[in-house]
N, C-alpha and C. Protein backbone atom coordinates (compact mmCIF):
# COMPACT_ATOMS: atom_id res chain seq x y z
N MET A 1 0.83 -1.21 0.00
CA MET A 1 0.00 0.00 0.00
C MET A 1 0.86 1.25 0.00
N GLY A 2 1.95 1.23 0.79
CA GLY A 2 2.85 2.39 0.83
C GLY A 2 3.45 2.66 -0.52
N ASP A 3 3.83 1.58 -1.27
CA ASP A 3 4.39 1.77 -2.60
C ASP A 3 3.40 2.40 -3.54
N GLY A 4 2.11 2.03 -3.35
CA GLY A 4 1.09 2.59 -4.23
C GLY A 4 0.95 4.08 -4.03
N VAL A 5 1.01 4.51 -2.76
CA VAL A 5 0.91 5.94 -2.49
C VAL A 5 2.10 6.66 -3.08
N SER A 6 3.30 6.07 -2.91
CA SER A 6 4.51 6.68 -3.46
C SER A 6 4.43 6.80 -4.96
N GLY A 7 3.94 5.72 -5.61
CA GLY A 7 3.83 5.75 -7.06
C GLY A 7 2.86 6.80 -7.53
N LYS A 8 1.75 6.94 -6.77
CA LYS A 8 0.76 7.94 -7.16
C LYS A 8 1.35 9.34 -7.09
N GLY A 9 2.17 9.59 -6.03
CA GLY A 9 2.80 10.90 -5.91
C GLY A 9 3.73 11.18 -7.07
N GLU A 10 4.46 10.14 -7.53
CA GLU A 10 5.41 10.32 -8.61
C GLU A 10 4.70 10.66 -9.91
N THR A 11 3.51 10.12 -10.13
CA THR A 11 2.80 10.41 -11.37
C THR A 11 1.95 11.67 -11.24
N GLY A 12 1.93 12.29 -10.07
CA GLY A 12 1.15 13.50 -9.86
C GLY A 12 2.01 14.73 -9.75
N ALA A 13 2.12 15.27 -8.52
CA ALA A 13 2.86 16.50 -8.32
C ALA A 13 4.34 16.34 -8.64
N GLY A 14 4.93 15.19 -8.23
CA GLY A 14 6.34 14.96 -8.52
C GLY A 14 6.61 14.89 -10.01
N HIS A 15 5.74 14.21 -10.73
CA HIS A 15 5.83 14.10 -12.18
C HIS A 15 5.75 15.49 -12.82
N LEU A 16 4.81 16.30 -12.36
CA LEU A 16 4.65 17.65 -12.89
C LEU A 16 5.89 18.49 -12.64
N HIS A 17 6.46 18.39 -11.44
CA HIS A 17 7.65 19.17 -11.10
C HIS A 17 8.82 18.82 -12.01
N ARG A 18 9.03 17.53 -12.23
CA ARG A 18 10.13 17.11 -13.10
C ARG A 18 9.90 17.55 -14.54
N LEU A 19 8.66 17.52 -14.99
CA LEU A 19 8.35 17.94 -16.35
C LEU A 19 8.62 19.44 -16.54
N VAL A 20 8.28 20.24 -15.53
CA VAL A 20 8.54 21.68 -15.60
C VAL A 20 10.04 21.95 -15.62
N LEU A 21 10.80 21.27 -14.78
CA LEU A 21 12.25 21.46 -14.74
C LEU A 21 12.89 21.11 -16.08
N PHE A 22 12.46 20.00 -16.66
CA PHE A 22 13.01 19.58 -17.96
C PHE A 22 12.65 20.60 -19.05
N SER A 23 11.41 21.07 -19.02
CA SER A 23 10.97 22.05 -20.02
C SER A 23 11.76 23.34 -19.91
N ASP A 24 11.96 23.83 -18.68
CA ASP A 24 12.72 25.05 -18.49
C ASP A 24 14.14 24.91 -19.02
N ALA A 25 14.73 23.72 -18.87
CA ALA A 25 16.08 23.49 -19.38
C ALA A 25 16.11 23.60 -20.90
N VAL A 26 15.10 23.06 -21.57
CA VAL A 26 15.05 23.14 -23.04
C VAL A 26 14.89 24.59 -23.49
N PHE A 27 14.03 25.35 -22.84
CA PHE A 27 13.88 26.76 -23.18
C PHE A 27 15.20 27.50 -22.98
N ALA A 28 15.89 27.23 -21.87
CA ALA A 28 17.15 27.91 -21.58
C ALA A 28 18.21 27.57 -22.62
N ILE A 29 18.29 26.31 -23.03
CA ILE A 29 19.27 25.91 -24.04
C ILE A 29 18.95 26.56 -25.38
N ALA A 30 17.66 26.56 -25.75
CA ALA A 30 17.26 27.15 -27.04
C ALA A 30 17.60 28.64 -27.09
N ILE A 31 17.34 29.37 -26.02
CA ILE A 31 17.59 30.81 -26.02
C ILE A 31 19.09 31.11 -26.00
N THR A 32 19.86 30.19 -25.43
CA THR A 32 21.32 30.34 -25.44
C THR A 32 21.89 30.08 -26.83
N LEU A 33 21.38 29.07 -27.51
CA LEU A 33 21.86 28.74 -28.84
C LEU A 33 21.59 29.85 -29.85
N LEU A 34 20.57 30.68 -29.58
CA LEU A 34 20.31 31.81 -30.48
C LEU A 34 21.54 32.71 -30.58
N ALA A 35 22.21 32.95 -29.45
CA ALA A 35 23.39 33.82 -29.44
C ALA A 35 24.62 33.09 -29.95
N ILE A 36 24.74 31.80 -29.62
CA ILE A 36 25.92 31.04 -30.04
C ILE A 36 26.04 30.98 -31.55
N GLU A 37 24.89 30.98 -32.25
CA GLU A 37 24.91 30.88 -33.71
C GLU A 37 25.31 32.18 -34.41
N ILE A 38 25.42 33.28 -33.65
CA ILE A 38 25.79 34.56 -34.26
C ILE A 38 27.30 34.67 -34.32
N HIS A 39 27.83 34.90 -35.53
CA HIS A 39 29.27 35.05 -35.71
C HIS A 39 29.56 36.39 -36.39
N PRO A 40 30.63 37.07 -35.99
CA PRO A 40 30.95 38.36 -36.60
C PRO A 40 31.42 38.19 -38.04
N PRO A 41 31.30 39.23 -38.87
CA PRO A 41 31.79 39.15 -40.25
C PRO A 41 33.31 39.04 -40.28
N GLU A 42 33.84 38.50 -41.37
CA GLU A 42 35.29 38.32 -41.48
C GLU A 42 36.01 39.65 -41.60
N HIS A 43 35.41 40.60 -42.29
CA HIS A 43 36.06 41.90 -42.51
C HIS A 43 35.09 43.01 -42.14
N TRP A 44 35.53 43.88 -41.27
CA TRP A 44 34.73 45.05 -40.90
C TRP A 44 35.65 46.17 -40.45
N ARG A 45 35.16 47.40 -40.66
CA ARG A 45 35.96 48.58 -40.34
C ARG A 45 35.17 49.50 -39.42
N GLY A 46 35.50 49.43 -38.16
CA GLY A 46 34.84 50.29 -37.19
C GLY A 46 33.56 49.68 -36.67
N VAL A 47 33.10 50.23 -35.54
CA VAL A 47 31.90 49.73 -34.89
C VAL A 47 30.67 49.93 -35.75
N ALA A 48 30.58 51.09 -36.41
CA ALA A 48 29.40 51.36 -37.25
C ALA A 48 29.28 50.34 -38.36
N ASP A 49 30.41 50.01 -39.02
CA ASP A 49 30.38 49.03 -40.10
C ASP A 49 30.04 47.64 -39.56
N LEU A 50 30.56 47.32 -38.37
CA LEU A 50 30.26 46.03 -37.76
C LEU A 50 28.76 45.85 -37.53
N PHE A 51 28.15 46.86 -36.93
CA PHE A 51 26.71 46.76 -36.66
C PHE A 51 25.89 46.83 -37.94
N HIS A 52 26.40 47.54 -38.96
CA HIS A 52 25.69 47.58 -40.24
C HIS A 52 25.66 46.19 -40.88
N GLN A 53 26.81 45.50 -40.84
CA GLN A 53 26.86 44.17 -41.44
C GLN A 53 26.09 43.12 -40.64
N MET A 54 26.04 43.33 -39.32
CA MET A 54 25.38 42.34 -38.47
C MET A 54 23.94 42.71 -38.12
N GLY A 55 23.46 43.82 -38.68
CA GLY A 55 22.13 44.30 -38.31
C GLY A 55 21.05 43.26 -38.50
N HIS A 56 21.07 42.54 -39.64
CA HIS A 56 20.02 41.55 -39.90
C HIS A 56 20.10 40.38 -38.92
N LYS A 57 21.34 40.00 -38.54
CA LYS A 57 21.48 38.90 -37.59
C LYS A 57 21.00 39.32 -36.20
N LEU A 58 21.36 40.53 -35.80
CA LEU A 58 20.96 40.98 -34.47
C LEU A 58 19.45 41.20 -34.38
N THR A 59 18.85 41.65 -35.48
CA THR A 59 17.40 41.82 -35.50
C THR A 59 16.70 40.47 -35.38
N ALA A 60 17.18 39.48 -36.15
CA ALA A 60 16.61 38.14 -36.08
C ALA A 60 16.78 37.56 -34.67
N TYR A 61 17.95 37.81 -34.07
CA TYR A 61 18.19 37.34 -32.70
C TYR A 61 17.20 37.97 -31.73
N ALA A 62 17.00 39.29 -31.86
CA ALA A 62 16.08 39.99 -30.94
C ALA A 62 14.66 39.45 -31.08
N VAL A 63 14.22 39.22 -32.33
CA VAL A 63 12.88 38.68 -32.56
C VAL A 63 12.75 37.30 -31.92
N SER A 64 13.74 36.44 -32.16
CA SER A 64 13.66 35.08 -31.62
C SER A 64 13.79 35.06 -30.10
N PHE A 65 14.59 35.97 -29.55
CA PHE A 65 14.68 36.08 -28.10
C PHE A 65 13.31 36.40 -27.51
N ALA A 66 12.62 37.35 -28.16
CA ALA A 66 11.27 37.70 -27.71
C ALA A 66 10.31 36.53 -27.89
N VAL A 67 10.45 35.80 -29.00
CA VAL A 67 9.57 34.66 -29.26
C VAL A 67 9.73 33.60 -28.17
N VAL A 68 10.99 33.26 -27.84
CA VAL A 68 11.22 32.26 -26.79
C VAL A 68 10.65 32.76 -25.46
N GLY A 69 10.82 34.07 -25.21
CA GLY A 69 10.27 34.63 -23.97
C GLY A 69 8.76 34.51 -23.90
N VAL A 70 8.07 34.86 -25.00
CA VAL A 70 6.61 34.76 -25.03
C VAL A 70 6.17 33.31 -24.86
N CYS A 71 6.86 32.39 -25.55
CA CYS A 71 6.50 30.98 -25.44
C CYS A 71 6.74 30.45 -24.03
N TRP A 72 7.83 30.91 -23.40
CA TRP A 72 8.09 30.47 -22.02
C TRP A 72 7.03 31.01 -21.07
N PHE A 73 6.64 32.28 -21.26
CA PHE A 73 5.58 32.84 -20.41
C PHE A 73 4.28 32.05 -20.59
N SER A 74 3.95 31.72 -21.84
CA SER A 74 2.74 30.94 -22.08
C SER A 74 2.84 29.57 -21.41
N HIS A 75 4.00 28.93 -21.57
CA HIS A 75 4.23 27.62 -20.97
C HIS A 75 4.12 27.70 -19.45
N ARG A 76 4.71 28.74 -18.86
CA ARG A 76 4.67 28.90 -17.40
C ARG A 76 3.23 29.10 -16.93
N ARG A 77 2.46 29.93 -17.65
CA ARG A 77 1.08 30.19 -17.25
C ARG A 77 0.24 28.93 -17.33
N VAL A 78 0.47 28.13 -18.37
CA VAL A 78 -0.27 26.88 -18.51
C VAL A 78 0.05 25.94 -17.35
N PHE A 79 1.34 25.74 -17.10
CA PHE A 79 1.73 24.75 -16.10
C PHE A 79 1.46 25.24 -14.68
N ALA A 80 1.35 26.55 -14.49
CA ALA A 80 0.99 27.06 -13.16
C ALA A 80 -0.44 26.69 -12.79
N ARG A 81 -1.27 26.41 -13.78
CA ARG A 81 -2.66 26.04 -13.54
C ARG A 81 -2.86 24.53 -13.39
N LEU A 82 -1.80 23.76 -13.59
CA LEU A 82 -1.91 22.31 -13.48
C LEU A 82 -1.64 21.85 -12.06
N VAL A 83 -2.30 20.77 -11.68
CA VAL A 83 -2.09 20.19 -10.35
C VAL A 83 -1.37 18.85 -10.42
N ARG A 84 -1.32 18.26 -11.60
CA ARG A 84 -0.63 16.99 -11.78
C ARG A 84 -0.33 16.80 -13.26
N ALA A 85 0.43 15.75 -13.56
CA ALA A 85 0.79 15.45 -14.94
C ALA A 85 0.56 13.96 -15.20
N ASP A 86 0.50 13.61 -16.49
CA ASP A 86 0.40 12.20 -16.85
C ASP A 86 1.14 11.99 -18.17
N GLY A 87 1.10 10.78 -18.68
CA GLY A 87 1.84 10.44 -19.89
C GLY A 87 1.37 11.21 -21.10
N GLY A 88 0.06 11.45 -21.20
CA GLY A 88 -0.45 12.21 -22.34
C GLY A 88 0.11 13.62 -22.36
N LEU A 89 0.18 14.25 -21.20
CA LEU A 89 0.76 15.59 -21.12
C LEU A 89 2.22 15.57 -21.54
N ASP A 90 2.95 14.52 -21.15
CA ASP A 90 4.35 14.38 -21.56
C ASP A 90 4.47 14.43 -23.08
N VAL A 91 3.63 13.69 -23.77
CA VAL A 91 3.72 13.59 -25.22
C VAL A 91 3.49 14.95 -25.87
N PHE A 92 2.41 15.63 -25.50
CA PHE A 92 2.12 16.94 -26.10
C PHE A 92 3.18 17.97 -25.74
N ASN A 93 3.69 17.89 -24.52
CA ASN A 93 4.72 18.84 -24.11
C ASN A 93 6.02 18.60 -24.88
N PHE A 94 6.33 17.36 -25.17
CA PHE A 94 7.54 17.07 -25.93
C PHE A 94 7.43 17.59 -27.37
N VAL A 95 6.24 17.61 -27.91
CA VAL A 95 6.05 18.22 -29.23
C VAL A 95 6.42 19.70 -29.18
N VAL A 96 5.93 20.39 -28.14
CA VAL A 96 6.26 21.81 -27.96
C VAL A 96 7.76 22.01 -27.84
N LEU A 97 8.40 21.20 -27.00
CA LEU A 97 9.83 21.36 -26.77
C LEU A 97 10.64 21.06 -28.04
N GLY A 98 10.19 20.09 -28.82
CA GLY A 98 10.87 19.80 -30.08
C GLY A 98 10.82 20.98 -31.04
N LEU A 99 9.69 21.67 -31.08
CA LEU A 99 9.55 22.85 -31.94
C LEU A 99 10.38 24.01 -31.41
N ILE A 100 10.42 24.16 -30.09
CA ILE A 100 11.24 25.22 -29.49
C ILE A 100 12.71 24.99 -29.82
N ALA A 101 13.15 23.75 -29.76
CA ALA A 101 14.55 23.43 -30.02
C ALA A 101 14.96 23.73 -31.45
N LEU A 102 14.00 23.83 -32.36
CA LEU A 102 14.29 24.15 -33.76
C LEU A 102 14.39 25.65 -34.03
N LEU A 103 14.07 26.48 -33.04
CA LEU A 103 14.08 27.93 -33.25
C LEU A 103 15.44 28.48 -33.66
N PRO A 104 16.57 27.99 -33.12
CA PRO A 104 17.86 28.50 -33.62
C PRO A 104 18.05 28.28 -35.11
N LEU A 105 17.58 27.15 -35.62
CA LEU A 105 17.66 26.90 -37.06
C LEU A 105 16.79 27.88 -37.83
N SER A 106 15.55 28.08 -37.39
CA SER A 106 14.66 29.03 -38.07
C SER A 106 15.21 30.44 -38.00
N THR A 107 15.87 30.79 -36.90
CA THR A 107 16.45 32.12 -36.77
C THR A 107 17.58 32.32 -37.77
N GLU A 108 18.40 31.29 -37.94
CA GLU A 108 19.48 31.38 -38.93
C GLU A 108 18.92 31.56 -40.34
N LEU A 109 17.84 30.85 -40.63
CA LEU A 109 17.19 31.02 -41.94
C LEU A 109 16.62 32.43 -42.08
N LEU A 110 16.09 32.97 -40.97
CA LEU A 110 15.48 34.30 -41.01
C LEU A 110 16.48 35.36 -41.37
N TRP A 111 17.68 35.30 -40.78
CA TRP A 111 18.64 36.36 -41.08
C TRP A 111 19.30 36.18 -42.45
N GLU A 112 19.12 35.01 -43.05
CA GLU A 112 19.64 34.83 -44.40
C GLU A 112 18.69 35.39 -45.45
N GLY A 113 17.50 35.85 -45.00
CA GLY A 113 16.66 36.73 -45.81
C GLY A 113 15.61 36.05 -46.66
N GLY A 114 14.81 36.94 -47.31
CA GLY A 114 13.77 36.47 -48.22
C GLY A 114 12.39 36.50 -47.59
N GLY A 115 11.42 37.00 -48.37
CA GLY A 115 10.06 37.09 -47.87
C GLY A 115 9.47 35.74 -47.52
N GLN A 116 9.78 34.72 -48.34
CA GLN A 116 9.24 33.39 -48.06
C GLN A 116 9.81 32.81 -46.77
N VAL A 117 11.09 33.14 -46.47
CA VAL A 117 11.70 32.67 -45.23
C VAL A 117 10.99 33.27 -44.03
N VAL A 118 10.58 34.55 -44.14
CA VAL A 118 9.84 35.18 -43.06
C VAL A 118 8.54 34.43 -42.81
N LEU A 119 7.86 34.05 -43.89
CA LEU A 119 6.61 33.29 -43.74
C LEU A 119 6.86 31.94 -43.07
N VAL A 120 7.97 31.29 -43.45
CA VAL A 120 8.32 30.01 -42.82
C VAL A 120 8.57 30.21 -41.33
N TYR A 121 9.28 31.29 -40.98
CA TYR A 121 9.59 31.56 -39.58
C TYR A 121 8.32 31.83 -38.77
N VAL A 122 7.47 32.72 -39.28
CA VAL A 122 6.22 33.02 -38.59
C VAL A 122 5.36 31.77 -38.49
N GLY A 123 5.36 30.96 -39.54
CA GLY A 123 4.61 29.71 -39.51
C GLY A 123 5.12 28.77 -38.43
N HIS A 124 6.43 28.70 -38.30
CA HIS A 124 7.03 27.87 -37.26
C HIS A 124 6.57 28.32 -35.88
N VAL A 125 6.61 29.63 -35.64
CA VAL A 125 6.19 30.16 -34.34
C VAL A 125 4.70 29.90 -34.12
N ALA A 126 3.90 30.06 -35.18
CA ALA A 126 2.46 29.80 -35.06
C ALA A 126 2.19 28.35 -34.70
N VAL A 127 2.97 27.43 -35.26
CA VAL A 127 2.79 26.01 -34.95
C VAL A 127 3.17 25.73 -33.49
N ILE A 128 4.19 26.44 -32.99
CA ILE A 128 4.53 26.29 -31.57
C ILE A 128 3.33 26.68 -30.71
N GLY A 129 2.69 27.80 -31.06
CA GLY A 129 1.50 28.22 -30.32
C GLY A 129 0.40 27.19 -30.38
N LEU A 130 0.16 26.63 -31.56
CA LEU A 130 -0.88 25.62 -31.69
C LEU A 130 -0.55 24.38 -30.86
N ALA A 131 0.73 23.99 -30.85
CA ALA A 131 1.13 22.85 -30.03
C ALA A 131 0.94 23.14 -28.54
N MET A 132 1.21 24.40 -28.15
CA MET A 132 0.98 24.78 -26.76
C MET A 132 -0.52 24.72 -26.45
N GLY A 133 -1.33 25.08 -27.43
CA GLY A 133 -2.77 24.98 -27.26
C GLY A 133 -3.21 23.53 -27.06
N LEU A 134 -2.56 22.61 -27.76
CA LEU A 134 -2.88 21.19 -27.57
C LEU A 134 -2.54 20.74 -26.16
N VAL A 135 -1.41 21.24 -25.63
CA VAL A 135 -1.04 20.90 -24.25
C VAL A 135 -2.15 21.32 -23.30
N TRP A 136 -2.61 22.59 -23.46
CA TRP A 136 -3.66 23.08 -22.57
C TRP A 136 -4.98 22.36 -22.80
N ALA A 137 -5.34 22.13 -24.06
CA ALA A 137 -6.60 21.45 -24.36
C ALA A 137 -6.63 20.06 -23.73
N TYR A 138 -5.51 19.34 -23.84
CA TYR A 138 -5.46 18.01 -23.23
C TYR A 138 -5.58 18.11 -21.72
N ALA A 139 -4.79 19.05 -21.14
CA ALA A 139 -4.77 19.16 -19.67
C ALA A 139 -6.11 19.59 -19.10
N ALA A 140 -6.77 20.55 -19.78
CA ALA A 140 -8.00 21.14 -19.23
C ALA A 140 -9.25 20.33 -19.56
N PHE A 141 -9.31 19.76 -20.77
CA PHE A 141 -10.56 19.16 -21.22
C PHE A 141 -10.53 17.63 -21.31
N VAL A 142 -9.34 17.05 -21.42
CA VAL A 142 -9.25 15.59 -21.58
C VAL A 142 -8.69 14.94 -20.32
N GLY A 143 -7.48 15.34 -19.94
CA GLY A 143 -6.83 14.71 -18.80
C GLY A 143 -7.32 15.21 -17.46
N LYS A 144 -8.05 16.36 -17.45
CA LYS A 144 -8.53 16.96 -16.19
C LYS A 144 -7.37 17.14 -15.20
N LEU A 145 -6.33 17.79 -15.66
CA LEU A 145 -5.12 17.97 -14.86
C LEU A 145 -5.03 19.35 -14.23
N THR A 146 -6.04 20.18 -14.43
CA THR A 146 -5.96 21.57 -13.99
C THR A 146 -6.74 21.78 -12.69
N GLU A 147 -6.51 22.96 -12.14
CA GLU A 147 -7.34 23.41 -11.02
C GLU A 147 -8.74 23.71 -11.55
N PRO A 148 -9.78 23.66 -10.71
CA PRO A 148 -11.14 23.95 -11.18
C PRO A 148 -11.24 25.38 -11.71
N MET A 149 -11.94 25.55 -12.82
CA MET A 149 -12.16 26.88 -13.40
C MET A 149 -13.37 26.84 -14.31
N PRO A 150 -14.00 28.01 -14.56
CA PRO A 150 -15.14 28.05 -15.48
C PRO A 150 -14.71 27.66 -16.90
N VAL A 151 -15.64 27.11 -17.64
CA VAL A 151 -15.35 26.68 -19.01
C VAL A 151 -14.92 27.87 -19.87
N GLY A 152 -15.60 29.02 -19.67
CA GLY A 152 -15.25 30.20 -20.46
C GLY A 152 -13.81 30.63 -20.26
N GLU A 153 -13.34 30.56 -19.03
CA GLU A 153 -11.95 30.93 -18.75
C GLU A 153 -10.98 29.93 -19.38
N ALA A 154 -11.33 28.65 -19.32
CA ALA A 154 -10.48 27.63 -19.92
C ALA A 154 -10.38 27.81 -21.43
N VAL A 155 -11.49 28.16 -22.07
CA VAL A 155 -11.48 28.40 -23.52
C VAL A 155 -10.65 29.63 -23.86
N PHE A 156 -10.76 30.68 -23.05
CA PHE A 156 -9.96 31.88 -23.28
C PHE A 156 -8.47 31.58 -23.18
N VAL A 157 -8.08 30.80 -22.17
CA VAL A 157 -6.68 30.41 -22.03
C VAL A 157 -6.22 29.64 -23.26
N LEU A 158 -7.08 28.74 -23.75
CA LEU A 158 -6.75 27.96 -24.95
C LEU A 158 -6.48 28.87 -26.14
N LEU A 159 -7.38 29.82 -26.38
CA LEU A 159 -7.22 30.72 -27.53
C LEU A 159 -5.98 31.59 -27.37
N ARG A 160 -5.76 32.10 -26.17
CA ARG A 160 -4.60 32.97 -25.94
C ARG A 160 -3.29 32.20 -26.13
N VAL A 161 -3.23 31.02 -25.55
CA VAL A 161 -2.00 30.23 -25.64
C VAL A 161 -1.74 29.79 -27.07
N ALA A 162 -2.78 29.38 -27.79
CA ALA A 162 -2.61 28.85 -29.13
C ALA A 162 -2.30 29.92 -30.17
N LEU A 163 -2.89 31.11 -30.02
CA LEU A 163 -2.80 32.13 -31.07
C LEU A 163 -1.78 33.23 -30.79
N LEU A 164 -1.48 33.48 -29.51
CA LEU A 164 -0.64 34.63 -29.18
C LEU A 164 0.77 34.56 -29.75
N PRO A 165 1.50 33.43 -29.68
CA PRO A 165 2.86 33.43 -30.22
C PRO A 165 2.93 33.80 -31.70
N GLY A 166 2.07 33.21 -32.52
CA GLY A 166 2.08 33.52 -33.94
C GLY A 166 1.68 34.95 -34.23
N LEU A 167 0.65 35.44 -33.53
CA LEU A 167 0.20 36.82 -33.74
C LEU A 167 1.27 37.82 -33.33
N MET A 168 1.88 37.61 -32.18
CA MET A 168 2.90 38.53 -31.71
C MET A 168 4.13 38.51 -32.61
N CYS A 169 4.52 37.33 -33.06
CA CYS A 169 5.67 37.22 -33.95
C CYS A 169 5.40 37.94 -35.27
N GLY A 170 4.23 37.68 -35.88
CA GLY A 170 3.89 38.33 -37.13
C GLY A 170 3.81 39.83 -37.00
N LEU A 171 3.17 40.32 -35.92
CA LEU A 171 3.04 41.76 -35.72
C LEU A 171 4.39 42.41 -35.42
N THR A 172 5.27 41.70 -34.72
CA THR A 172 6.59 42.25 -34.43
C THR A 172 7.39 42.45 -35.71
N ILE A 173 7.41 41.43 -36.56
CA ILE A 173 8.14 41.55 -37.83
C ILE A 173 7.50 42.61 -38.71
N PHE A 174 6.17 42.66 -38.73
CA PHE A 174 5.47 43.70 -39.50
C PHE A 174 5.83 45.09 -38.98
N SER A 175 5.94 45.22 -37.65
CA SER A 175 6.23 46.53 -37.05
C SER A 175 7.63 47.01 -37.36
N LEU A 176 8.56 46.08 -37.65
CA LEU A 176 9.91 46.49 -38.04
C LEU A 176 9.91 47.19 -39.39
N VAL A 177 8.88 46.90 -40.19
CA VAL A 177 8.75 47.55 -41.51
C VAL A 177 7.79 48.73 -41.43
N LYS A 178 6.68 48.54 -40.75
CA LYS A 178 5.66 49.57 -40.57
C LYS A 178 5.55 49.89 -39.08
N PRO A 179 6.20 50.97 -38.62
CA PRO A 179 6.24 51.24 -37.17
C PRO A 179 4.88 51.35 -36.50
N TRP A 180 3.83 51.73 -37.25
CA TRP A 180 2.52 51.83 -36.61
C TRP A 180 1.98 50.47 -36.19
N GLY A 181 2.66 49.39 -36.64
CA GLY A 181 2.25 48.06 -36.21
C GLY A 181 2.44 47.84 -34.73
N TRP A 182 3.36 48.64 -34.11
CA TRP A 182 3.55 48.51 -32.66
C TRP A 182 2.27 48.87 -31.91
N ALA A 183 1.50 49.81 -32.48
CA ALA A 183 0.23 50.18 -31.85
C ALA A 183 -0.75 49.00 -31.87
N LEU A 184 -0.75 48.25 -32.97
CA LEU A 184 -1.60 47.06 -33.04
C LEU A 184 -1.16 46.02 -32.01
N LEU A 185 0.15 45.86 -31.89
CA LEU A 185 0.67 44.89 -30.93
C LEU A 185 0.31 45.29 -29.50
N ALA A 186 0.46 46.59 -29.20
CA ALA A 186 0.10 47.07 -27.86
C ALA A 186 -1.39 46.90 -27.60
N GLY A 187 -2.21 47.19 -28.62
CA GLY A 187 -3.66 47.02 -28.47
C GLY A 187 -4.04 45.57 -28.23
N LEU A 188 -3.35 44.65 -28.92
CA LEU A 188 -3.60 43.22 -28.73
C LEU A 188 -3.31 42.81 -27.30
N MET A 189 -2.16 43.24 -26.79
CA MET A 189 -1.78 42.86 -25.43
C MET A 189 -2.73 43.45 -24.39
N LEU A 190 -3.05 44.74 -24.57
CA LEU A 190 -3.97 45.38 -23.62
C LEU A 190 -5.34 44.72 -23.64
N GLY A 191 -5.82 44.39 -24.85
CA GLY A 191 -7.12 43.75 -24.96
C GLY A 191 -7.16 42.38 -24.30
N LEU A 192 -6.11 41.58 -24.53
CA LEU A 192 -6.06 40.26 -23.92
C LEU A 192 -5.97 40.35 -22.40
N ASN A 193 -5.17 41.30 -21.91
CA ASN A 193 -5.06 41.47 -20.46
C ASN A 193 -6.39 41.90 -19.84
N TRP A 194 -7.10 42.77 -20.55
CA TRP A 194 -8.41 43.24 -20.04
C TRP A 194 -9.40 42.08 -19.98
N ILE A 195 -9.44 41.28 -21.04
CA ILE A 195 -10.36 40.14 -21.06
C ILE A 195 -9.98 39.14 -19.97
N GLY A 196 -8.68 38.91 -19.81
CA GLY A 196 -8.23 37.97 -18.79
C GLY A 196 -8.61 38.42 -17.39
N ARG A 197 -8.48 39.74 -17.12
CA ARG A 197 -8.86 40.25 -15.80
C ARG A 197 -10.36 40.14 -15.58
N ARG A 198 -11.14 40.43 -16.63
CA ARG A 198 -12.59 40.34 -16.48
C ARG A 198 -13.02 38.90 -16.19
N LEU A 199 -12.41 37.95 -16.88
CA LEU A 199 -12.76 36.55 -16.65
C LEU A 199 -12.31 36.10 -15.26
N GLY A 200 -11.12 36.58 -14.85
CA GLY A 200 -10.64 36.22 -13.53
C GLY A 200 -11.49 36.79 -12.41
N ALA A 201 -12.09 37.97 -12.68
CA ALA A 201 -12.91 38.62 -11.65
C ALA A 201 -14.35 38.10 -11.65
N ALA A 202 -14.73 37.37 -12.69
CA ALA A 202 -16.10 36.86 -12.78
C ALA A 202 -16.36 35.86 -11.67
N PRO A 203 -17.59 35.82 -11.13
CA PRO A 203 -17.92 34.85 -10.07
C PRO A 203 -17.76 33.43 -10.58
N LYS A 204 -17.19 32.58 -9.76
CA LYS A 204 -17.01 31.17 -10.12
C LYS A 204 -18.35 30.45 -10.13
N ALA A 205 -18.51 29.59 -11.12
CA ALA A 205 -19.75 28.81 -11.20
C ALA A 205 -19.84 27.84 -10.03
N ALA A 206 -21.04 27.70 -9.50
CA ALA A 206 -21.22 26.80 -8.34
C ALA A 206 -21.08 25.36 -8.79
């Protein structure tokens, strides 16, 4: 009987804790590799010329750094609402981590240029968001791994987690070309925060 209780703990809170630690390690490695892949040009004259030649690489790095940050925040918010983990959650989470680990490659493609490459990069980030949405959908609606919450709030979390990375990435790259796009990005964030606060303040269903 004692072994059964121990085993149950390992597949519950202990399992969740180990999964979060492993996930954080993958995010940390991915964000570190973004910088490791940046190499200075062979020939440059002065600081201004150096930054001119590396501008596209540094811009791609900044975008991907922000992307990893947004994805980590989404991942943290999802897992903060979980009370336990199971094998199904492991599988969906590993899909997310596999896509995150590919971001250094997509970033290298991004700084090598081309409109189609930008679409590939934004598509990659959008797929990460969708995979994160699958993690939440499984945890909230299938595996019942979350804390109790109203269905409306759970659906809002699903939409935010699934769509926000791709939307923010696309708007960020758009804003680098059209500065007024930053206003759209700010409006998106403010709107989502307002909706989230309203749902959080709503009375819980009996």
